[in-house]
All heavy atoms as atom14 arrays in JSON, in Angstrom:
{
  "sequence": "INEELENIEIVHTDEKIESEDDPVRSIRRKKQASMVMAARSVKE",
  "atom14_mask": [
    [1, 1, 1, 1, 1, 1, 1, 1, 0, 0, 0, 0, 0, 0],
    [1, 1, 1, 1, 1, 1, 1, 1, 0, 0, 0, 0, 0, 0],
    [1, 1, 1, 1, 1, 1, 1, 1, 1, 0, 0, 0, 0, 0],
    [1, 1, 1, 1, 1, 1, 1, 1, 1, 0, 0, 0, 0, 0],
    [1, 1, 1, 1, 1, 1, 1, 1, 0, 0, 0, 0, 0, 0],
    [1, 1, 1, 1, 1, 1, 1, 1, 1, 0, 0, 0, 0, 0],
    [1, 1, 1, 1, 1, 1, 1, 1, 0, 0, 0, 0, 0, 0],
    [1, 1, 1, 1, 1, 1, 1, 1, 0, 0, 0, 0, 0, 0],
    [1, 1, 1, 1, 1, 1, 1, 1, 1, 0, 0, 0, 0, 0],
    [1, 1, 1, 1, 1, 1, 1, 1, 0, 0, 0, 0, 0, 0],
    [1, 1, 1, 1, 1, 1, 1, 0, 0, 0, 0, 0, 0, 0],
    [1, 1, 1, 1, 1, 1, 1, 1, 1, 1, 0, 0, 0, 0],
    [1, 1, 1, 1, 1, 1, 1, 0, 0, 0, 0, 0, 0, 0],
    [1, 1, 1, 1, 1, 1, 1, 1, 0, 0, 0, 0, 0, 0],
    [1, 1, 1, 1, 1, 1, 1, 1, 1, 0, 0, 0, 0, 0],
    [1, 1, 1, 1, 1, 1, 1, 1, 1, 0, 0, 0, 0, 0],
    [1, 1, 1, 1, 1, 1, 1, 1, 0, 0, 0, 0, 0, 0],
    [1, 1, 1, 1, 1, 1, 1, 1, 1, 0, 0, 0, 0, 0],
    [1, 1, 1, 1, 1, 1, 0, 0, 0, 0, 0, 0, 0, 0],
    [1, 1, 1, 1, 1, 1, 1, 1, 1, 0, 0, 0, 0, 0],
    [1, 1, 1, 1, 1, 1, 1, 1, 0, 0, 0, 0, 0, 0],
    [1, 1, 1, 1, 1, 1, 1, 1, 0, 0, 0, 0, 0, 0],
    [1, 1, 1, 1, 1, 1, 1, 0, 0, 0, 0, 0, 0, 0],
    [1, 1, 1, 1, 1, 1, 1, 0, 0, 0, 0, 0, 0, 0],
    [1, 1, 1, 1, 1, 1, 1, 1, 1, 1, 1, 0, 0, 0],
    [1, 1, 1, 1, 1, 1, 0, 0, 0, 0, 0, 0, 0, 0],
    [1, 1, 1, 1, 1, 1, 1, 1, 0, 0, 0, 0, 0, 0],
    [1, 1, 1, 1, 1, 1, 1, 1, 1, 1, 1, 0, 0, 0],
    [1, 1, 1, 1, 1, 1, 1, 1, 1, 1, 1, 0, 0, 0],
    [1, 1, 1, 1, 1, 1, 1, 1, 1, 0, 0, 0, 0, 0],
    [1, 1, 1, 1, 1, 1, 1, 1, 1, 0, 0, 0, 0, 0],
    [1, 1, 1, 1, 1, 1, 1, 1, 1, 0, 0, 0, 0, 0],
    [1, 1, 1, 1, 1, 0, 0, 0, 0, 0, 0, 0, 0, 0],
    [1, 1, 1, 1, 1, 1, 0, 0, 0, 0, 0, 0, 0, 0],
    [1, 1, 1, 1, 1, 1, 1, 1, 0, 0, 0, 0, 0, 0],
    [1, 1, 1, 1, 1, 1, 1, 0, 0, 0, 0, 0, 0, 0],
    [1, 1, 1, 1, 1, 1, 1, 1, 0, 0, 0, 0, 0, 0],
    [1, 1, 1, 1, 1, 0, 0, 0, 0, 0, 0, 0, 0, 0],
    [1, 1, 1, 1, 1, 0, 0, 0, 0, 0, 0, 0, 0, 0],
    [1, 1, 1, 1, 1, 1, 1, 1, 1, 1, 1, 0, 0, 0],
    [1, 1, 1, 1, 1, 1, 0, 0, 0, 0, 0, 0, 0, 0],
    [1, 1, 1, 1, 1, 1, 1, 0, 0, 0, 0, 0, 0, 0],
    [1, 1, 1, 1, 1, 1, 1, 1, 1, 0, 0, 0, 0, 0],
    [1, 1, 1, 1, 1, 1, 1, 1, 1, 0, 0, 0, 0, 0]
  ],
  "atom14_positions": [
    [[55.85, 26.43, 93.71], [57.1, 25.81, 93.27], [57.19, 24.42, 93.9], [57.37, 24.29, 95.11], [58.32, 26.67, 93.67], [58.22, 28.06, 93.05], [59.61, 25.99, 93.23], [59.35, 28.99, 93.42], [0.0, 0.0, 0.0], [0.0, 0.0, 0.0], [0.0, 0.0, 0.0], [0.0, 0.0, 0.0], [0.0, 0.0, 0.0], [0.0, 0.0, 0.0]],
    [[57.04, 23.41, 93.07], [57.0, 22.03, 93.56], [58.31, 21.27, 93.35], [58.38, 20.07, 93.62], [55.86, 21.26, 92.88], [54.5, 21.9, 93.16], [54.23, 22.28, 94.29], [53.68, 22.02, 92.13], [0.0, 0.0, 0.0], [0.0, 0.0, 0.0], [0.0, 0.0, 0.0], [0.0, 0.0, 0.0], [0.0, 0.0, 0.0], [0.0, 0.0, 0.0]],
    [[59.3, 21.96, 92.83], [60.59, 21.32, 92.59], [61.7, 22.34, 92.79], [61.47, 23.55, 92.75], [60.65, 20.74, 91.17], [60.37, 21.77, 90.08], [60.23, 21.13, 88.72], [61.18, 20.44, 88.31], [59.19, 21.31, 88.08], [0.0, 0.0, 0.0], [0.0, 0.0, 0.0], [0.0, 0.0, 0.0], [0.0, 0.0, 0.0], [0.0, 0.0, 0.0]],
    [[62.89, 21.85, 92.99], [64.03, 22.74, 93.22], [64.74, 23.03, 91.91], [65.16, 22.11, 91.2], [65.01, 22.1, 94.22], [66.08, 23.05, 94.68], [66.89, 22.5, 95.84], [66.34, 21.69, 96.62], [68.07, 22.86, 95.93], [0.0, 0.0, 0.0], [0.0, 0.0, 0.0], [0.0, 0.0, 0.0], [0.0, 0.0, 0.0], [0.0, 0.0, 0.0]],
    [[64.83, 24.29, 91.57], [65.5, 24.71, 90.34], [66.66, 25.62, 90.71], [66.48, 26.61, 91.44], [64.52, 25.44, 89.42], [63.36, 24.61, 88.87], [62.32, 25.5, 88.21], [63.87, 23.58, 87.87], [0.0, 0.0, 0.0], [0.0, 0.0, 0.0], [0.0, 0.0, 0.0], [0.0, 0.0, 0.0], [0.0, 0.0, 0.0], [0.0, 0.0, 0.0]],
    [[67.84, 25.3, 90.19], [69.04, 26.07, 90.54], [68.98, 27.52, 90.06], [69.63, 28.39, 90.64], [70.27, 25.38, 89.96], [70.6, 24.04, 90.62], [71.88, 23.44, 90.07], [72.45, 24.03, 89.12], [72.31, 22.39, 90.59], [0.0, 0.0, 0.0], [0.0, 0.0, 0.0], [0.0, 0.0, 0.0], [0.0, 0.0, 0.0], [0.0, 0.0, 0.0]],
    [[68.23, 27.77, 88.99], [68.21, 29.11, 88.41], [66.94, 29.89, 88.75], [66.52, 30.78, 87.99], [68.45, 29.08, 86.9], [67.45, 28.2, 86.16], [66.82, 27.32, 86.75], [67.32, 28.43, 84.86], [0.0, 0.0, 0.0], [0.0, 0.0, 0.0], [0.0, 0.0, 0.0], [0.0, 0.0, 0.0], [0.0, 0.0, 0.0], [0.0, 0.0, 0.0]],
    [[66.3, 29.56, 89.86], [65.21, 30.38, 90.41], [65.54, 30.71, 91.86], [65.85, 29.82, 92.66], [63.85, 29.67, 90.32], [63.31, 29.73, 88.89], [62.83, 30.34, 91.26], [61.87, 29.29, 88.73], [0.0, 0.0, 0.0], [0.0, 0.0, 0.0], [0.0, 0.0, 0.0], [0.0, 0.0, 0.0], [0.0, 0.0, 0.0], [0.0, 0.0, 0.0]],
    [[65.5, 32.01, 92.17], [65.76, 32.48, 93.53], [64.56, 33.28, 94.01], [63.79, 33.82, 93.2], [67.02, 33.35, 93.56], [68.28, 32.63, 93.11], [69.49, 33.55, 93.03], [69.35, 34.73, 93.44], [70.55, 33.11, 92.56], [0.0, 0.0, 0.0], [0.0, 0.0, 0.0], [0.0, 0.0, 0.0], [0.0, 0.0, 0.0], [0.0, 0.0, 0.0]],
    [[64.38, 33.36, 95.31], [63.29, 34.12, 95.9], [63.86, 35.15, 96.87], [64.71, 34.82, 97.7], [62.29, 33.21, 96.65], [61.69, 32.16, 95.71], [61.18, 34.04, 97.3], [60.82, 31.14, 96.41], [0.0, 0.0, 0.0], [0.0, 0.0, 0.0], [0.0, 0.0, 0.0], [0.0, 0.0, 0.0], [0.0, 0.0, 0.0], [0.0, 0.0, 0.0]],
    [[63.41, 36.39, 96.74], [63.76, 37.44, 97.69], [62.46, 37.9, 98.34], [61.56, 38.41, 97.67], [64.46, 38.63, 97.0], [64.71, 39.75, 98.01], [65.77, 38.19, 96.36], [0.0, 0.0, 0.0], [0.0, 0.0, 0.0], [0.0, 0.0, 0.0], [0.0, 0.0, 0.0], [0.0, 0.0, 0.0], [0.0, 0.0, 0.0], [0.0, 0.0, 0.0]],
    [[62.35, 37.7, 99.64], [61.11, 38.02, 100.35], [60.92, 39.53, 100.46], [61.86, 40.28, 100.78], [61.12, 37.4, 101.74], [59.91, 37.78, 102.55], [58.67, 37.24, 102.31], [59.77, 38.65, 103.59], [57.81, 37.76, 103.17], [58.45, 38.62, 103.95], [0.0, 0.0, 0.0], [0.0, 0.0, 0.0], [0.0, 0.0, 0.0], [0.0, 0.0, 0.0]],
    [[59.69, 39.98, 100.2], [59.33, 41.39, 100.39], [58.02, 41.44, 101.17], [57.17, 40.57, 101.03], [59.15, 42.12, 99.05], [58.04, 41.55, 98.34], [60.4, 42.01, 98.2], [0.0, 0.0, 0.0], [0.0, 0.0, 0.0], [0.0, 0.0, 0.0], [0.0, 0.0, 0.0], [0.0, 0.0, 0.0], [0.0, 0.0, 0.0], [0.0, 0.0, 0.0]],
    [[57.85, 42.48, 101.96], [56.66, 42.6, 102.82], [55.52, 43.4, 102.18], [54.38, 43.31, 102.61], [57.03, 43.25, 104.15], [57.95, 42.36, 104.98], [57.66, 41.16, 105.08], [58.96, 42.87, 105.51], [0.0, 0.0, 0.0], [0.0, 0.0, 0.0], [0.0, 0.0, 0.0], [0.0, 0.0, 0.0], [0.0, 0.0, 0.0], [0.0, 0.0, 0.0]],
    [[55.84, 44.18, 101.15], [54.83, 45.06, 100.55], [54.67, 44.79, 99.07], [55.53, 44.17, 98.44], [55.22, 46.52, 100.75], [55.28, 46.99, 102.18], [55.71, 48.45, 102.27], [56.87, 48.74, 101.94], [54.86, 49.28, 102.65], [0.0, 0.0, 0.0], [0.0, 0.0, 0.0], [0.0, 0.0, 0.0], [0.0, 0.0, 0.0], [0.0, 0.0, 0.0]],
    [[53.57, 45.29, 98.51], [53.35, 45.26, 97.07], [52.66, 46.54, 96.65], [51.97, 47.18, 97.45], [52.51, 44.05, 96.66], [51.1, 44.04, 97.19], [50.26, 42.91, 96.57], [49.89, 43.2, 95.14], [48.93, 42.26, 94.57], [0.0, 0.0, 0.0], [0.0, 0.0, 0.0], [0.0, 0.0, 0.0], [0.0, 0.0, 0.0], [0.0, 0.0, 0.0]],
    [[52.88, 46.93, 95.41], [52.22, 48.12, 94.88], [50.92, 47.68, 94.23], [50.92, 46.83, 93.33], [53.13, 48.84, 93.87], [54.35, 49.42, 94.61], [52.38, 49.95, 93.15], [55.36, 50.11, 93.71], [0.0, 0.0, 0.0], [0.0, 0.0, 0.0], [0.0, 0.0, 0.0], [0.0, 0.0, 0.0], [0.0, 0.0, 0.0], [0.0, 0.0, 0.0]],
    [[49.82, 48.25, 94.67], [48.5, 47.9, 94.16], [48.22, 48.64, 92.85], [48.85, 49.66, 92.56], [47.42, 48.23, 95.18], [47.64, 47.63, 96.57], [47.45, 46.12, 96.59], [46.92, 45.56, 95.62], [47.82, 45.5, 97.6], [0.0, 0.0, 0.0], [0.0, 0.0, 0.0], [0.0, 0.0, 0.0], [0.0, 0.0, 0.0], [0.0, 0.0, 0.0]],
    [[47.26, 48.12, 92.1], [46.94, 48.72, 90.8], [46.4, 50.14, 90.94], [46.58, 50.97, 90.04], [45.92, 47.85, 90.06], [44.73, 47.72, 90.82], [0.0, 0.0, 0.0], [0.0, 0.0, 0.0], [0.0, 0.0, 0.0], [0.0, 0.0, 0.0], [0.0, 0.0, 0.0], [0.0, 0.0, 0.0], [0.0, 0.0, 0.0], [0.0, 0.0, 0.0]],
    [[45.74, 50.44, 92.07], [45.16, 51.77, 92.25], [46.11, 52.75, 92.92], [45.78, 53.92, 93.1], [43.87, 51.67, 93.07], [44.06, 51.21, 94.51], [44.04, 49.71, 94.68], [44.1, 48.99, 93.65], [43.95, 49.24, 95.83], [0.0, 0.0, 0.0], [0.0, 0.0, 0.0], [0.0, 0.0, 0.0], [0.0, 0.0, 0.0], [0.0, 0.0, 0.0]],
    [[47.3, 52.32, 93.3], [48.26, 53.2, 93.97], [48.77, 54.3, 93.04], [48.94, 54.08, 91.83], [49.46, 52.4, 94.49], [49.14, 51.61, 95.75], [48.08, 51.86, 96.35], [49.96, 50.75, 96.12], [0.0, 0.0, 0.0], [0.0, 0.0, 0.0], [0.0, 0.0, 0.0], [0.0, 0.0, 0.0], [0.0, 0.0, 0.0], [0.0, 0.0, 0.0]],
    [[49.01, 55.46, 93.6], [49.64, 56.54, 92.84], [51.07, 56.12, 92.49], [51.84, 55.72, 93.38], [49.68, 57.82, 93.67], [50.4, 58.94, 92.96], [49.76, 59.61, 92.13], [51.61, 59.13, 93.21], [0.0, 0.0, 0.0], [0.0, 0.0, 0.0], [0.0, 0.0, 0.0], [0.0, 0.0, 0.0], [0.0, 0.0, 0.0], [0.0, 0.0, 0.0]],
    [[51.45, 56.17, 91.22], [52.75, 55.62, 90.78], [53.96, 56.18, 91.51], [54.73, 55.42, 92.12], [52.79, 55.97, 89.29], [51.37, 56.04, 88.88], [50.64, 56.61, 90.06], [0.0, 0.0, 0.0], [0.0, 0.0, 0.0], [0.0, 0.0, 0.0], [0.0, 0.0, 0.0], [0.0, 0.0, 0.0], [0.0, 0.0, 0.0], [0.0, 0.0, 0.0]],
    [[54.17, 57.48, 91.46], [55.37, 58.07, 92.05], [55.34, 57.99, 93.57], [56.34, 57.62, 94.21], [55.55, 59.53, 91.58], [56.75, 60.17, 92.28], [55.73, 59.59, 90.07], [0.0, 0.0, 0.0], [0.0, 0.0, 0.0], [0.0, 0.0, 0.0], [0.0, 0.0, 0.0], [0.0, 0.0, 0.0], [0.0, 0.0, 0.0], [0.0, 0.0, 0.0]],
    [[54.2, 58.31, 94.15], [54.09, 58.26, 95.61], [54.33, 56.85, 96.15], [54.97, 56.67, 97.19], [52.71, 58.77, 96.03], [52.54, 58.95, 97.54], [51.18, 59.53, 97.85], [51.0, 60.81, 97.18], [49.82, 61.43, 97.07], [48.74, 60.88, 97.57], [49.74, 62.6, 96.46], [0.0, 0.0, 0.0], [0.0, 0.0, 0.0], [0.0, 0.0, 0.0]],
    [[53.82, 55.85, 95.44], [53.93, 54.47, 95.93], [55.37, 53.98, 95.94], [55.79, 53.31, 96.88], [53.06, 53.53, 95.08], [53.5, 53.51, 93.73], [0.0, 0.0, 0.0], [0.0, 0.0, 0.0], [0.0, 0.0, 0.0], [0.0, 0.0, 0.0], [0.0, 0.0, 0.0], [0.0, 0.0, 0.0], [0.0, 0.0, 0.0], [0.0, 0.0, 0.0]],
    [[56.15, 54.33, 94.91], [57.54, 53.84, 94.9], [58.4, 54.57, 95.91], [59.44, 54.05, 96.34], [58.17, 53.91, 93.49], [58.39, 55.36, 93.06], [57.34, 53.14, 92.48], [59.28, 55.48, 91.84], [0.0, 0.0, 0.0], [0.0, 0.0, 0.0], [0.0, 0.0, 0.0], [0.0, 0.0, 0.0], [0.0, 0.0, 0.0], [0.0, 0.0, 0.0]],
    [[57.97, 55.76, 96.32], [58.73, 56.51, 97.33], [58.35, 56.09, 98.75], [59.19, 56.13, 99.65], [58.49, 58.01, 97.13], [59.22, 58.55, 95.91], [58.93, 60.01, 95.68], [59.75, 60.54, 94.59], [59.54, 61.71, 93.99], [58.54, 62.48, 94.38], [60.32, 62.12, 93.01], [0.0, 0.0, 0.0], [0.0, 0.0, 0.0], [0.0, 0.0, 0.0]],
    [[57.1, 55.69, 98.93], [56.64, 55.34, 100.27], [56.78, 53.85, 100.57], [57.01, 53.47, 101.72], [55.18, 55.77, 100.44], [55.0, 57.29, 100.48], [53.57, 57.67, 100.77], [53.41, 59.12, 100.92], [52.25, 59.72, 101.17], [51.14, 59.0, 101.3], [52.19, 61.03, 101.3], [0.0, 0.0, 0.0], [0.0, 0.0, 0.0], [0.0, 0.0, 0.0]],
    [[56.61, 53.02, 99.55], [56.67, 51.57, 99.77], [58.07, 51.06, 99.39], [58.26, 50.39, 98.37], [55.59, 50.87, 98.96], [54.17, 51.19, 99.43], [53.12, 50.36, 98.68], [51.73, 50.57, 99.23], [50.71, 49.74, 98.54], [0.0, 0.0, 0.0], [0.0, 0.0, 0.0], [0.0, 0.0, 0.0], [0.0, 0.0, 0.0], [0.0, 0.0, 0.0]],
    [[59.03, 51.37, 100.23], [60.42, 51.02, 99.95], [60.64, 49.51, 99.88], [61.56, 49.03, 99.23], [61.33, 51.62, 101.02], [61.25, 53.13, 101.14], [61.84, 53.84, 99.96], [61.91, 55.35, 100.21], [62.45, 56.06, 99.02], [0.0, 0.0, 0.0], [0.0, 0.0, 0.0], [0.0, 0.0, 0.0], [0.0, 0.0, 0.0], [0.0, 0.0, 0.0]],
    [[59.78, 48.73, 100.59], [59.95, 47.29, 100.64], [59.0, 46.56, 99.68], [58.82, 45.35, 99.79], [59.71, 46.79, 102.08], [60.66, 47.39, 103.1], [62.12, 47.12, 102.75], [62.49, 45.98, 102.49], [62.95, 48.15, 102.77], [0.0, 0.0, 0.0], [0.0, 0.0, 0.0], [0.0, 0.0, 0.0], [0.0, 0.0, 0.0], [0.0, 0.0, 0.0]],
    [[58.39, 47.29, 98.76], [57.5, 46.66, 97.78], [58.31, 45.82, 96.8], [59.46, 46.13, 96.49], [56.7, 47.73, 97.03], [0.0, 0.0, 0.0], [0.0, 0.0, 0.0], [0.0, 0.0, 0.0], [0.0, 0.0, 0.0], [0.0, 0.0, 0.0], [0.0, 0.0, 0.0], [0.0, 0.0, 0.0], [0.0, 0.0, 0.0], [0.0, 0.0, 0.0]],
    [[57.69, 44.76, 96.31], [58.38, 43.83, 95.41], [58.93, 44.53, 94.17], [60.06, 44.29, 93.75], [57.44, 42.69, 95.01], [56.21, 43.19, 94.5], [0.0, 0.0, 0.0], [0.0, 0.0, 0.0], [0.0, 0.0, 0.0], [0.0, 0.0, 0.0], [0.0, 0.0, 0.0], [0.0, 0.0, 0.0], [0.0, 0.0, 0.0], [0.0, 0.0, 0.0]],
    [[58.14, 45.42, 93.57], [58.59, 46.12, 92.37], [59.76, 47.04, 92.67], [60.74, 47.1, 91.91], [57.44, 46.93, 91.75], [57.81, 47.63, 90.45], [56.52, 48.76, 89.87], [55.18, 47.64, 89.51], [0.0, 0.0, 0.0], [0.0, 0.0, 0.0], [0.0, 0.0, 0.0], [0.0, 0.0, 0.0], [0.0, 0.0, 0.0], [0.0, 0.0, 0.0]],
    [[59.67, 47.75, 93.77], [60.72, 48.71, 94.14], [62.02, 48.0, 94.45], [63.1, 48.4, 93.99], [60.27, 49.56, 95.34], [61.4, 50.47, 95.81], [59.05, 50.4, 94.96], [0.0, 0.0, 0.0], [0.0, 0.0, 0.0], [0.0, 0.0, 0.0], [0.0, 0.0, 0.0], [0.0, 0.0, 0.0], [0.0, 0.0, 0.0], [0.0, 0.0, 0.0]],
    [[61.95, 46.92, 95.21], [63.17, 46.18, 95.55], [63.79, 45.53, 94.33], [65.01, 45.48, 94.19], [62.86, 45.14, 96.63], [62.56, 45.76, 97.98], [62.3, 44.54, 99.29], [63.93, 43.78, 99.4], [0.0, 0.0, 0.0], [0.0, 0.0, 0.0], [0.0, 0.0, 0.0], [0.0, 0.0, 0.0], [0.0, 0.0, 0.0], [0.0, 0.0, 0.0]],
    [[62.94, 45.05, 93.41], [63.45, 44.46, 92.16], [64.15, 45.52, 91.32], [65.23, 45.29, 90.76], [62.31, 43.82, 91.39], [0.0, 0.0, 0.0], [0.0, 0.0, 0.0], [0.0, 0.0, 0.0], [0.0, 0.0, 0.0], [0.0, 0.0, 0.0], [0.0, 0.0, 0.0], [0.0, 0.0, 0.0], [0.0, 0.0, 0.0], [0.0, 0.0, 0.0]],
    [[63.55, 46.72, 91.24], [64.16, 47.81, 90.48], [65.48, 48.24, 91.09], [66.46, 48.49, 90.38], [63.18, 48.99, 90.41], [0.0, 0.0, 0.0], [0.0, 0.0, 0.0], [0.0, 0.0, 0.0], [0.0, 0.0, 0.0], [0.0, 0.0, 0.0], [0.0, 0.0, 0.0], [0.0, 0.0, 0.0], [0.0, 0.0, 0.0], [0.0, 0.0, 0.0]],
    [[65.51, 48.31, 92.42], [66.74, 48.71, 93.1], [67.87, 47.7, 92.85], [69.04, 48.06, 92.71], [66.49, 48.87, 94.6], [67.62, 49.6, 95.33], [67.32, 49.79, 96.8], [66.11, 50.56, 96.99], [65.06, 50.13, 97.69], [65.07, 48.95, 98.26], [64.0, 50.9, 97.82], [0.0, 0.0, 0.0], [0.0, 0.0, 0.0], [0.0, 0.0, 0.0]],
    [[67.51, 46.42, 92.77], [68.53, 45.39, 92.52], [69.15, 45.56, 91.14], [70.32, 45.24, 90.93], [67.91, 43.99, 92.65], [67.1, 43.66, 91.53], [0.0, 0.0, 0.0], [0.0, 0.0, 0.0], [0.0, 0.0, 0.0], [0.0, 0.0, 0.0], [0.0, 0.0, 0.0], [0.0, 0.0, 0.0], [0.0, 0.0, 0.0], [0.0, 0.0, 0.0]],
    [[68.36, 46.06, 90.18], [68.89, 46.31, 88.84], [69.79, 47.53, 88.85], [70.86, 47.54, 88.23], [67.74, 46.47, 87.82], [68.28, 46.84, 86.44], [66.91, 45.18, 87.73], [0.0, 0.0, 0.0], [0.0, 0.0, 0.0], [0.0, 0.0, 0.0], [0.0, 0.0, 0.0], [0.0, 0.0, 0.0], [0.0, 0.0, 0.0], [0.0, 0.0, 0.0]],
    [[69.35, 48.57, 89.55], [70.18, 49.78, 89.66], [71.54, 49.44, 90.27], [72.58, 49.96, 89.83], [69.48, 50.84, 90.52], [70.32, 52.09, 90.75], [69.6, 53.09, 91.61], [70.49, 54.29, 91.93], [71.02, 54.98, 90.74], [0.0, 0.0, 0.0], [0.0, 0.0, 0.0], [0.0, 0.0, 0.0], [0.0, 0.0, 0.0], [0.0, 0.0, 0.0]],
    [[71.53, 48.58, 91.27], [72.77, 48.21, 91.97], [73.52, 47.08, 91.26], [74.5, 46.57, 91.79], [72.43, 47.81, 93.4], [71.88, 48.97, 94.22], [71.34, 48.56, 95.58], [71.34, 47.33, 95.86], [70.92, 49.44, 96.35], [0.0, 0.0, 0.0], [0.0, 0.0, 0.0], [0.0, 0.0, 0.0], [0.0, 0.0, 0.0], [0.0, 0.0, 0.0]]
  ]
}
């Protein structure tokens, strides 16, 4: 990101779900994964 855009925000996450991860187990164990936190923000 080389410029400031008012309609782009960043939420830092420490984990990510890998392509080889077990789907259900990964979302339950990786609470701080980018996908999980994004999904939780929609639920809330």
